[in-house]
Amino acid sequence: MAFLKTILILLLGYYLLKILARWFAPRLFSYAAKKAEKHFREQFGTFRGQGYEEQQQPGDGSTTRKSTHRNNSSEHIGEYIDFEEIE
């Protein structure tokens, strides 16, 4: 009888931990992700300099466009070789 009672307690404990993990695991991972994000932002801020946040305010972004005009110069790039198949 003691053996069955032990097995029953182990199974109940297993399922209880499984249910608790379903409830608390997303919150725990979210908390860990926020802490990691905060840590990376702090490290990035010290890497880029202290005034980086002050320089770029939201809405003050500027865009740079690449030139759509291609330089079609008639420079000699290379030599053209015509290959023929040998049978």
Protein backbone atom coordinates (compact mmCIF):
# COMPACT_ATOMS: atom_id res chain seq x y z
CA MET A 1 0.00 0.00 0.00
CA ALA A 2 2.87 2.38 0.76
CA PHE A 3 4.29 1.78 -2.72
CA LEU A 4 1.01 2.83 -4.40
CA LYS A 5 0.76 5.87 -2.14
CA THR A 6 4.29 6.92 -3.14
CA ILE A 7 3.51 6.48 -6.84
CA LEU A 8 0.31 8.50 -6.44
CA ILE A 9 2.14 11.34 -4.68
CA LEU A 10 4.83 11.40 -7.37
CA LEU A 11 2.23 11.51 -10.16
CA LEU A 12 0.26 14.28 -8.43
CA GLY A 13 3.47 16.24 -7.89
CA TYR A 14 4.43 15.80 -11.54
CA TYR A 15 1.08 17.01 -12.84
CA LEU A 16 1.01 19.88 -10.34
CA LEU A 17 4.43 21.04 -11.52
CA LYS A 18 3.28 20.70 -15.12
CA ILE A 19 0.23 22.91 -14.49
CA LEU A 20 2.25 25.47 -12.55
CA ALA A 21 4.85 25.57 -15.33
CA ARG A 22 2.10 26.32 -17.86
CA TRP A 23 0.92 29.25 -15.79
CA PHE A 24 4.24 30.72 -14.73
CA ALA A 25 6.66 29.84 -17.54
CA PRO A 26 5.39 32.54 -19.97
CA ARG A 27 5.64 35.17 -17.25
CA LEU A 28 9.08 33.99 -16.25
CA PHE A 29 10.35 34.02 -19.85
CA SER A 30 8.82 37.44 -20.45
CA TYR A 31 10.55 38.79 -17.35
CA ALA A 32 13.87 37.28 -18.44
CA ALA A 33 13.49 38.72 -21.95
CA LYS A 34 12.78 42.21 -20.58
CA LYS A 35 15.81 42.03 -18.30
CA ALA A 36 18.03 40.87 -21.18
CA GLU A 37 16.67 43.63 -23.42
CA LYS A 38 17.40 46.23 -20.73
CA HIS A 39 20.91 44.85 -20.30
CA PHE A 40 21.57 44.93 -24.07
CA ARG A 41 20.21 48.47 -24.36
CA GLU A 42 22.53 49.60 -21.58
CA GLN A 43 25.50 47.94 -23.25
CA PHE A 44 24.57 49.40 -26.63
CA GLY A 45 24.18 52.86 -25.11
CA THR A 46 27.66 52.75 -23.62
CA PHE A 47 29.05 51.42 -26.90
CA ARG A 48 27.50 54.17 -29.02
CA GLY A 49 28.23 56.95 -26.57
CA GLN A 50 26.33 58.66 -23.82
CA GLY A 51 24.64 61.28 -26.02
CA TYR A 52 23.16 58.86 -28.53
CA GLU A 53 19.67 58.96 -27.03
CA GLU A 54 19.67 62.76 -27.08
CA GLN A 55 20.75 62.99 -30.70
CA GLN A 56 17.96 60.93 -32.23
CA GLN A 57 14.53 61.76 -30.95
CA PRO A 58 11.46 59.85 -32.17
CA GLY A 59 10.04 61.56 -35.23
CA ASP A 60 13.27 63.40 -35.99
CA GLY A 61 14.60 60.67 -38.25
CA SER A 62 16.10 61.49 -41.58
CA THR A 63 16.19 59.30 -44.62
CA THR A 64 18.95 59.01 -47.14
CA ARG A 65 18.24 57.94 -50.67
CA LYS A 66 20.60 56.10 -52.86
CA SER A 67 21.13 57.60 -56.23
CA THR A 68 19.01 55.97 -58.91
CA HIS A 69 21.29 57.30 -61.65
CA ARG A 70 23.75 54.66 -62.75
CA ASN A 71 27.13 55.59 -64.07
CA ASN A 72 27.09 54.18 -67.60
CA SER A 73 30.63 54.90 -68.56
CA SER A 74 32.21 53.34 -71.60
CA GLU A 75 35.27 52.16 -69.72
CA HIS A 76 36.86 48.96 -70.94
CA ILE A 77 36.00 46.42 -68.25
CA GLY A 78 37.53 43.28 -69.69
CA GLU A 79 38.13 41.20 -72.76
CA TYR A 80 35.35 39.14 -74.33
CA ILE A 81 36.32 35.58 -75.25
CA ASP A 82 34.08 33.47 -77.46
CA PHE A 83 34.39 29.77 -76.66
CA GLU A 84 33.65 27.05 -79.16
CA GLU A 85 32.83 23.44 -78.39
CA ILE A 86 35.32 20.84 -79.59
CA GLU A 87 33.93 17.47 -80.53
